[in-house]
Amino acid sequence: DVVLTTLVYRYPFSWDHFVTWAWYAGMLGLGLTLKGNAG
């Protein structure tokens, strides 16, 4: 995210990146809840 934002798209780094990273953590957490049901 940092590389894409600052180097590729040349946008400033802002607070909304933390929201995106929280979404990533939420998806990992959802995957953890699926761990017992994976098959």
PDB file of all heavy atoms in Angstrom:
ATOM      1  N   ASP A   1       0.826  -1.214   0.000  1.00  0.00           N
ATOM      2  CA  ASP A   1       0.000   0.000   0.000  1.00  0.00           C
ATOM      3  C   ASP A   1       0.856   1.258   0.000  1.00  0.00           C
ATOM      4  O   ASP A   1       0.592   2.196  -0.744  1.00  0.00           O
ATOM      5  CB  ASP A   1      -0.911   0.036   1.231  1.00  0.00           C
ATOM      6  CG  ASP A   1      -2.150  -0.797   1.071  1.00  0.00           C
ATOM      7  OD1 ASP A   1      -2.441  -1.221  -0.065  1.00  0.00           O
ATOM      8  OD2 ASP A   1      -2.831  -1.019   2.086  1.00  0.00           O
ATOM      9  N   VAL A   2       1.876   1.262   0.840  1.00  0.00           N
ATOM     10  CA  VAL A   2       2.754   2.434   0.920  1.00  0.00           C
ATOM     11  C   VAL A   2       3.487   2.636  -0.397  1.00  0.00           C
ATOM     12  O   VAL A   2       3.583   3.755  -0.906  1.00  0.00           O
ATOM     13  CB  VAL A   2       3.733   2.290   2.101  1.00  0.00           C
ATOM     14  CG1 VAL A   2       4.800   3.370   2.063  1.00  0.00           C
ATOM     15  CG2 VAL A   2       2.982   2.336   3.417  1.00  0.00           C
ATOM     16  N   VAL A   3       3.982   1.565  -0.983  1.00  0.00           N
ATOM     17  CA  VAL A   3       4.702   1.677  -2.260  1.00  0.00           C
ATOM     18  C   VAL A   3       3.762   2.152  -3.367  1.00  0.00           C
ATOM     19  O   VAL A   3       4.091   3.060  -4.135  1.00  0.00           O
ATOM     20  CB  VAL A   3       5.364   0.329  -2.630  1.00  0.00           C
ATOM     21  CG1 VAL A   3       5.844   0.321  -4.066  1.00  0.00           C
ATOM     22  CG2 VAL A   3       6.498   0.031  -1.689  1.00  0.00           C
ATOM     23  N   LEU A   4       2.590   1.550  -3.450  1.00  0.00           N
ATOM     24  CA  LEU A   4       1.642   1.956  -4.488  1.00  0.00           C
ATOM     25  C   LEU A   4       1.208   3.405  -4.315  1.00  0.00           C
ATOM     26  O   LEU A   4       1.127   4.159  -5.291  1.00  0.00           O
ATOM     27  CB  LEU A   4       0.412   1.047  -4.482  1.00  0.00           C
ATOM     28  CG  LEU A   4       0.574  -0.307  -5.135  1.00  0.00           C
ATOM     29  CD1 LEU A   4      -0.630  -1.190  -4.835  1.00  0.00           C
ATOM     30  CD2 LEU A   4       0.752  -0.165  -6.631  1.00  0.00           C
ATOM     31  N   THR A   5       0.930   3.808  -3.102  1.00  0.00           N
ATOM     32  CA  THR A   5       0.432   5.163  -2.862  1.00  0.00           C
ATOM     33  C   THR A   5       1.494   6.211  -3.099  1.00  0.00           C
ATOM     34  O   THR A   5       1.254   7.190  -3.805  1.00  0.00           O
ATOM     35  CB  THR A   5      -0.101   5.275  -1.420  1.00  0.00           C
ATOM     36  OG1 THR A   5      -1.139   4.330  -1.245  1.00  0.00           O
ATOM     37  CG2 THR A   5      -0.644   6.664  -1.158  1.00  0.00           C
ATOM     38  N   THR A   6       2.655   6.027  -2.515  1.00  0.00           N
ATOM     39  CA  THR A   6       3.663   7.086  -2.571  1.00  0.00           C
ATOM     40  C   THR A   6       4.527   7.046  -3.826  1.00  0.00           C
ATOM     41  O   THR A   6       4.856   8.102  -4.373  1.00  0.00           O
ATOM     42  CB  THR A   6       4.573   7.024  -1.334  1.00  0.00           C
ATOM     43  OG1 THR A   6       5.189   5.744  -1.264  1.00  0.00           O
ATOM     44  CG2 THR A   6       3.774   7.300  -0.077  1.00  0.00           C
ATOM     45  N   LEU A   7       4.881   5.864  -4.297  1.00  0.00           N
ATOM     46  CA  LEU A   7       5.803   5.788  -5.431  1.00  0.00           C
ATOM     47  C   LEU A   7       5.108   5.631  -6.777  1.00  0.00           C
ATOM     48  O   LEU A   7       5.539   6.218  -7.767  1.00  0.00           O
ATOM     49  CB  LEU A   7       6.787   4.637  -5.223  1.00  0.00           C
ATOM     50  CG  LEU A   7       7.673   4.734  -3.986  1.00  0.00           C
ATOM     51  CD1 LEU A   7       8.546   3.505  -3.867  1.00  0.00           C
ATOM     52  CD2 LEU A   7       8.496   5.998  -4.014  1.00  0.00           C
ATOM     53  N   VAL A   8       4.061   4.839  -6.836  1.00  0.00           N
ATOM     54  CA  VAL A   8       3.407   4.590  -8.122  1.00  0.00           C
ATOM     55  C   VAL A   8       2.393   5.684  -8.452  1.00  0.00           C
ATOM     56  O   VAL A   8       2.430   6.288  -9.513  1.00  0.00           O
ATOM     57  CB  VAL A   8       2.740   3.193  -8.129  1.00  0.00           C
ATOM     58  CG1 VAL A   8       1.964   2.963  -9.408  1.00  0.00           C
ATOM     59  CG2 VAL A   8       3.793   2.109  -7.934  1.00  0.00           C
ATOM     60  N   TYR A   9       1.474   5.952  -7.510  1.00  0.00           N
ATOM     61  CA  TYR A   9       0.407   6.921  -7.777  1.00  0.00           C
ATOM     62  C   TYR A   9       0.746   8.333  -7.322  1.00  0.00           C
ATOM     63  O   TYR A   9       0.030   9.272  -7.650  1.00  0.00           O
ATOM     64  CB  TYR A   9      -0.892   6.462  -7.118  1.00  0.00           C
ATOM     65  CG  TYR A   9      -1.383   5.146  -7.639  1.00  0.00           C
ATOM     66  CD1 TYR A   9      -1.622   4.086  -6.771  1.00  0.00           C
ATOM     67  CD2 TYR A   9      -1.597   4.939  -8.989  1.00  0.00           C
ATOM     68  CE1 TYR A   9      -2.058   2.859  -7.246  1.00  0.00           C
ATOM     69  CE2 TYR A   9      -2.032   3.718  -9.473  1.00  0.00           C
ATOM     70  CZ  TYR A   9      -2.270   2.689  -8.590  1.00  0.00           C
ATOM     71  OH  TYR A   9      -2.696   1.478  -9.060  1.00  0.00           O
ATOM     72  N   ARG A  10       1.805   8.495  -6.547  1.00  0.00           N
ATOM     73  CA  ARG A  10       2.272   9.802  -6.067  1.00  0.00           C
ATOM     74  C   ARG A  10       1.221  10.558  -5.247  1.00  0.00           C
ATOM     75  O   ARG A  10       1.080  11.764  -5.366  1.00  0.00           O
ATOM     76  CB  ARG A  10       2.729  10.676  -7.223  1.00  0.00           C
ATOM     77  CG  ARG A  10       3.742  10.057  -8.120  1.00  0.00           C
ATOM     78  CD  ARG A  10       5.118  10.392  -7.643  1.00  0.00           C
ATOM     79  NE  ARG A  10       6.077   9.945  -8.648  1.00  0.00           N
ATOM     80  CZ  ARG A  10       7.178   9.324  -8.342  1.00  0.00           C
ATOM     81  NH1 ARG A  10       7.476   9.101  -7.108  1.00  0.00           N
ATOM     82  NH2 ARG A  10       7.993   8.930  -9.274  1.00  0.00           N
ATOM     83  N   TYR A  11       0.479   9.834  -4.423  1.00  0.00           N
ATOM     84  CA  TYR A  11      -0.464  10.453  -3.495  1.00  0.00           C
ATOM     85  C   TYR A  11       0.203  10.581  -2.138  1.00  0.00           C
ATOM     86  O   TYR A  11       1.105   9.816  -1.798  1.00  0.00           O
ATOM     87  CB  TYR A  11      -1.730   9.616  -3.335  1.00  0.00           C
ATOM     88  CG  TYR A  11      -2.603   9.553  -4.550  1.00  0.00           C
ATOM     89  CD1 TYR A  11      -3.151   8.349  -4.960  1.00  0.00           C
ATOM     90  CD2 TYR A  11      -2.891  10.675  -5.304  1.00  0.00           C
ATOM     91  CE1 TYR A  11      -3.966   8.268  -6.077  1.00  0.00           C
ATOM     92  CE2 TYR A  11      -3.696  10.614  -6.422  1.00  0.00           C
ATOM     93  CZ  TYR A  11      -4.233   9.406  -6.798  1.00  0.00           C
ATOM     94  OH  TYR A  11      -5.030   9.329  -7.898  1.00  0.00           O
ATOM     95  N   PRO A  12      -0.259  11.530  -1.331  1.00  0.00           N
ATOM     96  CA  PRO A  12       0.306  11.610   0.029  1.00  0.00           C
ATOM     97  C   PRO A  12      -0.235  10.490   0.910  1.00  0.00           C
ATOM     98  O   PRO A  12      -1.356  10.016   0.725  1.00  0.00           O
ATOM     99  CB  PRO A  12      -0.164  12.978   0.529  1.00  0.00           C
ATOM    100  CG  PRO A  12      -1.386  13.274  -0.264  1.00  0.00           C
ATOM    101  CD  PRO A  12      -1.189  12.616  -1.607  1.00  0.00           C
ATOM    102  N   PHE A  13       0.572  10.081   1.849  1.00  0.00           N
ATOM    103  CA  PHE A  13       0.153   9.068   2.822  1.00  0.00           C
ATOM    104  C   PHE A  13      -0.837   9.722   3.781  1.00  0.00           C
ATOM    105  O   PHE A  13      -0.583  10.800   4.299  1.00  0.00           O
ATOM    106  CB  PHE A  13       1.371   8.545   3.580  1.00  0.00           C
ATOM    107  CG  PHE A  13       1.068   7.400   4.466  1.00  0.00           C
ATOM    108  CD1 PHE A  13       0.971   6.122   3.944  1.00  0.00           C
ATOM    109  CD2 PHE A  13       0.859   7.579   5.819  1.00  0.00           C
ATOM    110  CE1 PHE A  13       0.692   5.033   4.768  1.00  0.00           C
ATOM    111  CE2 PHE A  13       0.590   6.514   6.640  1.00  0.00           C
ATOM    112  CZ  PHE A  13       0.493   5.249   6.118  1.00  0.00           C
ATOM    113  N   SER A  14      -1.988   9.083   4.025  1.00  0.00           N
ATOM    114  CA  SER A  14      -3.014   9.691   4.876  1.00  0.00           C
ATOM    115  C   SER A  14      -3.565   8.670   5.871  1.00  0.00           C
ATOM    116  O   SER A  14      -3.218   7.489   5.850  1.00  0.00           O
ATOM    117  CB  SER A  14      -4.141  10.255   4.022  1.00  0.00           C
ATOM    118  OG  SER A  14      -4.763   9.224   3.297  1.00  0.00           O
ATOM    119  N   TRP A  15      -4.447   9.128   6.725  1.00  0.00           N
ATOM    120  CA  TRP A  15      -5.002   8.307   7.808  1.00  0.00           C
ATOM    121  C   TRP A  15      -5.851   7.159   7.292  1.00  0.00           C
ATOM    122  O   TRP A  15      -6.030   6.168   7.984  1.00  0.00           O
ATOM    123  CB  TRP A  15      -5.830   9.172   8.748  1.00  0.00           C
ATOM    124  CG  TRP A  15      -7.038   9.742   8.075  1.00  0.00           C
ATOM    125  CD1 TRP A  15      -7.122  10.916   7.390  1.00  0.00           C
ATOM    126  CD2 TRP A  15      -8.320   9.137   7.975  1.00  0.00           C
ATOM    127  NE1 TRP A  15      -8.379  11.082   6.874  1.00  0.00           N
ATOM    128  CE2 TRP A  15      -9.148  10.002   7.220  1.00  0.00           C
ATOM    129  CE3 TRP A  15      -8.865   7.948   8.439  1.00  0.00           C
ATOM    130  CZ2 TRP A  15     -10.467   9.715   6.930  1.00  0.00           C
ATOM    131  CZ3 TRP A  15     -10.187   7.666   8.149  1.00  0.00           C
ATOM    132  CH2 TRP A  15     -10.964   8.547   7.412  1.00  0.00           C
ATOM    133  N   ASP A  16      -6.411   7.281   6.107  1.00  0.00           N
ATOM    134  CA  ASP A  16      -7.310   6.235   5.621  1.00  0.00           C
ATOM    135  C   ASP A  16      -6.583   4.929   5.306  1.00  0.00           C
ATOM    136  O   ASP A  16      -7.228   3.899   5.136  1.00  0.00           O
ATOM    137  CB  ASP A  16      -8.132   6.703   4.434  1.00  0.00           C
ATOM    138  CG  ASP A  16      -7.302   7.137   3.256  1.00  0.00           C
ATOM    139  OD1 ASP A  16      -6.084   7.303   3.410  1.00  0.00           O
ATOM    140  OD2 ASP A  16      -7.879   7.313   2.165  1.00  0.00           O
ATOM    141  N   HIS A  17      -5.277   4.950   5.264  1.00  0.00           N
ATOM    142  CA  HIS A  17      -4.533   3.698   5.110  1.00  0.00           C
ATOM    143  C   HIS A  17      -4.737   2.794   6.323  1.00  0.00           C
ATOM    144  O   HIS A  17      -4.782   1.578   6.188  1.00  0.00           O
ATOM    145  CB  HIS A  17      -3.040   3.980   4.929  1.00  0.00           C
ATOM    146  CG  HIS A  17      -2.715   4.478   3.567  1.00  0.00           C
ATOM    147  ND1 HIS A  17      -2.845   5.796   3.224  1.00  0.00           N
ATOM    148  CD2 HIS A  17      -2.290   3.836   2.460  1.00  0.00           C
ATOM    149  CE1 HIS A  17      -2.494   5.953   1.968  1.00  0.00           C
ATOM    150  NE2 HIS A  17      -2.157   4.771   1.478  1.00  0.00           N
ATOM    151  N   PHE A  18      -4.877   3.401   7.480  1.00  0.00           N
ATOM    152  CA  PHE A  18      -5.096   2.613   8.692  1.00  0.00           C
ATOM    153  C   PHE A  18      -6.458   1.911   8.653  1.00  0.00           C
ATOM    154  O   PHE A  18      -6.601   0.811   9.175  1.00  0.00           O
ATOM    155  CB  PHE A  18      -4.976   3.495   9.929  1.00  0.00           C
ATOM    156  CG  PHE A  18      -3.600   4.070  10.090  1.00  0.00           C
ATOM    157  CD1 PHE A  18      -3.366   5.417   9.887  1.00  0.00           C
ATOM    158  CD2 PHE A  18      -2.531   3.253  10.421  1.00  0.00           C
ATOM    159  CE1 PHE A  18      -2.095   5.945  10.022  1.00  0.00           C
ATOM    160  CE2 PHE A  18      -1.252   3.770  10.556  1.00  0.00           C
ATOM    161  CZ  PHE A  18      -1.034   5.123  10.350  1.00  0.00           C
ATOM    162  N   VAL A  19      -7.438   2.533   8.010  1.00  0.00           N
ATOM    163  CA  VAL A  19      -8.745   1.894   7.830  1.00  0.00           C
ATOM    164  C   VAL A  19      -8.604   0.682   6.913  1.00  0.00           C
ATOM    165  O   VAL A  19      -9.170  -0.382   7.172  1.00  0.00           O
ATOM    166  CB  VAL A  19      -9.766   2.896   7.267  1.00  0.00           C
ATOM    167  CG1 VAL A  19     -11.090   2.229   6.953  1.00  0.00           C
ATOM    168  CG2 VAL A  19      -9.971   4.050   8.225  1.00  0.00           C
ATOM    169  N   THR A  20      -7.840   0.834   5.857  1.00  0.00           N
ATOM    170  CA  THR A  20      -7.598  -0.278   4.939  1.00  0.00           C
ATOM    171  C   THR A  20      -6.870  -1.412   5.649  1.00  0.00           C
ATOM    172  O   THR A  20      -7.218  -2.581   5.477  1.00  0.00           O
ATOM    173  CB  THR A  20      -6.770   0.195   3.734  1.00  0.00           C
ATOM    174  OG1 THR A  20      -7.452   1.282   3.109  1.00  0.00           O
ATOM    175  CG2 THR A  20      -6.559  -0.911   2.737  1.00  0.00           C
ATOM    176  N   TRP A  21      -5.897  -1.087   6.461  1.00  0.00           N
ATOM    177  CA  TRP A  21      -5.150  -2.112   7.187  1.00  0.00           C
ATOM    178  C   TRP A  21      -6.025  -2.796   8.230  1.00  0.00           C
ATOM    179  O   TRP A  21      -5.859  -3.986   8.494  1.00  0.00           O
ATOM    180  CB  TRP A  21      -3.904  -1.518   7.814  1.00  0.00           C
ATOM    181  CG  TRP A  21      -2.954  -0.946   6.799  1.00  0.00           C
ATOM    182  CD1 TRP A  21      -2.938  -1.204   5.448  1.00  0.00           C
ATOM    183  CD2 TRP A  21      -1.926  -0.016   7.027  1.00  0.00           C
ATOM    184  NE1 TRP A  21      -1.949  -0.482   4.840  1.00  0.00           N
ATOM    185  CE2 TRP A  21      -1.302   0.256   5.778  1.00  0.00           C
ATOM    186  CE3 TRP A  21      -1.445   0.635   8.155  1.00  0.00           C
ATOM    187  CZ2 TRP A  21      -0.243   1.130   5.648  1.00  0.00           C
ATOM    188  CZ3 TRP A  21      -0.381   1.510   8.011  1.00  0.00           C
ATOM    189  CH2 TRP A  21       0.210   1.745   6.781  1.00  0.00           C
ATOM    190  N   ALA A  22      -6.968  -2.048   8.814  1.00  0.00           N
ATOM    191  CA  ALA A  22      -7.919  -2.674   9.743  1.00  0.00           C
ATOM    192  C   ALA A  22      -8.825  -3.644   8.988  1.00  0.00           C
ATOM    193  O   ALA A  22      -9.200  -4.693   9.509  1.00  0.00           O
ATOM    194  CB  ALA A  22      -8.743  -1.605  10.450  1.00  0.00           C
ATOM    195  N   TRP A  23      -9.184  -3.311   7.741  1.00  0.00           N
ATOM    196  CA  TRP A  23      -9.970  -4.225   6.916  1.00  0.00           C
ATOM    197  C   TRP A  23      -9.172  -5.498   6.640  1.00  0.00           C
ATOM    198  O   TRP A  23      -9.732  -6.597   6.687  1.00  0.00           O
ATOM    199  CB  TRP A  23     -10.352  -3.545   5.605  1.00  0.00           C
ATOM    200  CG  TRP A  23     -11.133  -4.416   4.701  1.00  0.00           C
ATOM    201  CD1 TRP A  23     -12.476  -4.631   4.720  1.00  0.00           C
ATOM    202  CD2 TRP A  23     -10.621  -5.220   3.633  1.00  0.00           C
ATOM    203  NE1 TRP A  23     -12.819  -5.507   3.736  1.00  0.00           N
ATOM    204  CE2 TRP A  23     -11.710  -5.894   3.060  1.00  0.00           C
ATOM    205  CE3 TRP A  23      -9.353  -5.440   3.117  1.00  0.00           C
ATOM    206  CZ2 TRP A  23     -11.571  -6.764   1.986  1.00  0.00           C
ATOM    207  CZ3 TRP A  23      -9.208  -6.303   2.050  1.00  0.00           C
ATOM    208  CH2 TRP A  23     -10.304  -6.953   1.499  1.00  0.00           C
ATOM    209  N   TYR A  24      -7.889  -5.365   6.380  1.00  0.00           N
ATOM    210  CA  TYR A  24      -7.048  -6.543   6.178  1.00  0.00           C
ATOM    211  C   TYR A  24      -7.054  -7.421   7.433  1.00  0.00           C
ATOM    212  O   TYR A  24      -7.173  -8.643   7.342  1.00  0.00           O
ATOM    213  CB  TYR A  24      -5.605  -6.150   5.861  1.00  0.00           C
ATOM    214  CG  TYR A  24      -5.379  -5.415   4.571  1.00  0.00           C
ATOM    215  CD1 TYR A  24      -4.256  -4.622   4.397  1.00  0.00           C
ATOM    216  CD2 TYR A  24      -6.285  -5.496   3.515  1.00  0.00           C
ATOM    217  CE1 TYR A  24      -4.026  -3.949   3.221  1.00  0.00           C
ATOM    218  CE2 TYR A  24      -6.061  -4.813   2.334  1.00  0.00           C
ATOM    219  CZ  TYR A  24      -4.937  -4.035   2.194  1.00  0.00           C
ATOM    220  OH  TYR A  24      -4.720  -3.373   1.026  1.00  0.00           O
ATOM    221  N   ALA A  25      -6.916  -6.792   8.596  1.00  0.00           N
ATOM    222  CA  ALA A  25      -6.924  -7.555   9.848  1.00  0.00           C
ATOM    223  C   ALA A  25      -8.284  -8.211  10.064  1.00  0.00           C
ATOM    224  O   ALA A  25      -8.359  -9.342  10.554  1.00  0.00           O
ATOM    225  CB  ALA A  25      -6.581  -6.634  11.014  1.00  0.00           C
ATOM    226  N   GLY A  26      -9.356  -7.523   9.685  1.00  0.00           N
ATOM    227  CA  GLY A  26     -10.687  -8.106   9.810  1.00  0.00           C
ATOM    228  C   GLY A  26     -10.872  -9.324   8.918  1.00  0.00           C
ATOM    229  O   GLY A  26     -11.487 -10.318   9.324  1.00  0.00           O
ATOM    230  N   MET A  27     -10.352  -9.270   7.721  1.00  0.00           N
ATOM    231  CA  MET A  27     -10.444 -10.418   6.821  1.00  0.00           C
ATOM    232  C   MET A  27      -9.628 -11.592   7.352  1.00  0.00           C
ATOM    233  O   MET A  27     -10.047 -12.745   7.246  1.00  0.00           O
ATOM    234  CB  MET A  27      -9.970 -10.047   5.415  1.00  0.00           C
ATOM    235  CG  MET A  27     -10.884  -9.086   4.709  1.00  0.00           C
ATOM    236  SD  MET A  27     -12.517  -9.752   4.443  1.00  0.00           S
ATOM    237  CE  MET A  27     -12.211 -10.854   3.095  1.00  0.00           C
ATOM    238  N   LEU A  28      -8.466 -11.320   7.925  1.00  0.00           N
ATOM    239  CA  LEU A  28      -7.687 -12.389   8.544  1.00  0.00           C
ATOM    240  C   LEU A  28      -8.434 -12.981   9.735  1.00  0.00           C
ATOM    241  O   LEU A  28      -8.432 -14.197   9.941  1.00  0.00           O
ATOM    242  CB  LEU A  28      -6.324 -11.863   8.992  1.00  0.00           C
ATOM    243  CG  LEU A  28      -5.286 -11.680   7.899  1.00  0.00           C
ATOM    244  CD1 LEU A  28      -4.088 -10.928   8.443  1.00  0.00           C
ATOM    245  CD2 LEU A  28      -4.869 -13.009   7.333  1.00  0.00           C
ATOM    246  N   GLY A  29      -9.077 -12.120  10.520  1.00  0.00           N
ATOM    247  CA  GLY A  29      -9.865 -12.602  11.649  1.00  0.00           C
ATOM    248  C   GLY A  29     -11.037 -13.459  11.208  1.00  0.00           C
ATOM    249  O   GLY A  29     -11.347 -14.481  11.830  1.00  0.00           O
ATOM    250  N   LEU A  30     -11.689 -13.065  10.135  1.00  0.00           N
ATOM    251  CA  LEU A  30     -12.775 -13.876   9.588  1.00  0.00           C
ATOM    252  C   LEU A  30     -12.237 -15.220   9.106  1.00  0.00           C
ATOM    253  O   LEU A  30     -12.871 -16.256   9.296  1.00  0.00           O
ATOM    254  CB  LEU A  30     -13.473 -13.142   8.451  1.00  0.00           C
ATOM    255  CG  LEU A  30     -14.695 -13.796   7.846  1.00  0.00           C
ATOM    256  CD1 LEU A  30     -15.770 -14.001   8.901  1.00  0.00           C
ATOM    257  CD2 LEU A  30     -15.233 -12.941   6.715  1.00  0.00           C
ATOM    258  N   GLY A  31     -11.077 -15.213   8.501  1.00  0.00           N
ATOM    259  CA  GLY A  31     -10.446 -16.467   8.090  1.00  0.00           C
ATOM    260  C   GLY A  31     -10.120 -17.351   9.280  1.00  0.00           C
ATOM    261  O   GLY A  31     -10.241 -18.573   9.206  1.00  0.00           O
ATOM    262  N   LEU A  32      -9.714 -16.734  10.387  1.00  0.00           N
ATOM    263  CA  LEU A  32      -9.437 -17.512  11.604  1.00  0.00           C
ATOM    264  C   LEU A  32     -10.698 -18.196  12.119  1.00  0.00           C
ATOM    265  O   LEU A  32     -10.651 -19.321  12.620  1.00  0.00           O
ATOM    266  CB  LEU A  32      -8.869 -16.615  12.695  1.00  0.00           C
ATOM    267  CG  LEU A  32      -7.399 -16.283  12.603  1.00  0.00           C
ATOM    268  CD1 LEU A  32      -7.030 -15.225  13.633  1.00  0.00           C
ATOM    269  CD2 LEU A  32      -6.558 -17.514  12.801  1.00  0.00           C
ATOM    270  N   THR A  33     -11.849 -17.529  12.004  1.00  0.00           N
ATOM    271  CA  THR A  33     -13.095 -18.148  12.452  1.00  0.00           C
ATOM    272  C   THR A  33     -13.507 -19.294  11.535  1.00  0.00           C
ATOM    273  O   THR A  33     -14.219 -20.190  11.961  1.00  0.00           O
ATOM    274  CB  THR A  33     -14.245 -17.130  12.529  1.00  0.00           C
ATOM    275  OG1 THR A  33     -14.503 -16.601  11.234  1.00  0.00           O
ATOM    276  CG2 THR A  33     -13.912 -16.016  13.492  1.00  0.00           C
ATOM    277  N   LEU A  34     -13.055 -19.257  10.298  1.00  0.00           N
ATOM    278  CA  LEU A  34     -13.360 -20.333   9.353  1.00  0.00           C
ATOM    279  C   LEU A  34     -12.409 -21.513   9.477  1.00  0.00           C
ATOM    280  O   LEU A  34     -12.627 -22.536   8.845  1.00  0.00           O
ATOM    281  CB  LEU A  34     -13.306 -19.800   7.918  1.00  0.00           C
ATOM    282  CG  LEU A  34     -14.303 -18.716   7.554  1.00  0.00           C
ATOM    283  CD1 LEU A  34     -14.004 -18.188   6.163  1.00  0.00           C
ATOM    284  CD2 LEU A  34     -15.710 -19.244   7.639  1.00  0.00           C
ATOM    285  N   LYS A  35     -11.367 -21.360  10.272  1.00  0.00           N
ATOM    286  CA  LYS A  35     -10.326 -22.386  10.353  1.00  0.00           C
ATOM    287  C   LYS A  35     -10.881 -23.759  10.730  1.00  0.00           C
ATOM    288  O   LYS A  35     -10.510 -24.762  10.159  1.00  0.00           O
ATOM    289  CB  LYS A  35      -9.259 -21.979  11.356  1.00  0.00           C
ATOM    290  CG  LYS A  35      -8.077 -22.937  11.396  1.00  0.00           C
ATOM    291  CD  LYS A  35      -7.017 -22.430  12.325  1.00  0.00           C
ATOM    292  CE  LYS A  35      -6.243 -21.381  11.598  1.00  0.00           C
ATOM    293  NZ  LYS A  35      -4.826 -21.412  11.727  1.00  0.00           N
ATOM    294  N   GLY A  36     -11.807 -23.824  11.652  1.00  0.00           N
ATOM    295  CA  GLY A  36     -12.363 -25.107  12.055  1.00  0.00           C
ATOM    296  C   GLY A  36     -13.302 -25.705  11.023  1.00  0.00           C
ATOM    297  O   GLY A  36     -13.513 -26.912  10.977  1.00  0.00           O
ATOM    298  N   ASN A  37     -13.861 -24.871  10.157  1.00  0.00           N
ATOM    299  CA  ASN A  37     -14.823 -25.335   9.168  1.00  0.00           C
ATOM    300  C   ASN A  37     -14.217 -25.533   7.784  1.00  0.00           C
ATOM    301  O   ASN A  37     -14.941 -25.816   6.844  1.00  0.00           O
ATOM    302  CB  ASN A  37     -15.975 -24.335   9.052  1.00  0.00           C
ATOM    303  CG  ASN A  37     -16.739 -24.211  10.345  1.00  0.00           C
ATOM    304  OD1 ASN A  37     -16.804 -25.154  11.117  1.00  0.00           O
ATOM    305  ND2 ASN A  37     -17.281 -23.034  10.594  1.00  0.00           N
ATOM    306  N   ALA A  38     -12.923 -25.327   7.634  1.00  0.00           N
ATOM    307  CA  ALA A  38     -12.307 -25.421   6.320  1.00  0.00           C
ATOM    308  C   ALA A  38     -12.300 -26.865   5.842  1.00  0.00           C
ATOM    309  O   ALA A  38     -11.887 -27.775   6.551  1.00  0.00           O
ATOM    310  CB  ALA A  38     -10.886 -24.887   6.359  1.00  0.00           C
ATOM    311  N   GLY A  39     -12.789 -27.075   4.648  1.00  0.00           N
ATOM    312  CA  GLY A  39     -12.821 -28.409   4.064  1.00  0.00           C
ATOM    313  C   GLY A  39     -13.438 -28.345   2.680  1.00  0.00           C
ATOM    314  O   GLY A  39     -13.803 -27.282   2.192  1.00  0.00           O
TER     315      GLY A  39
END
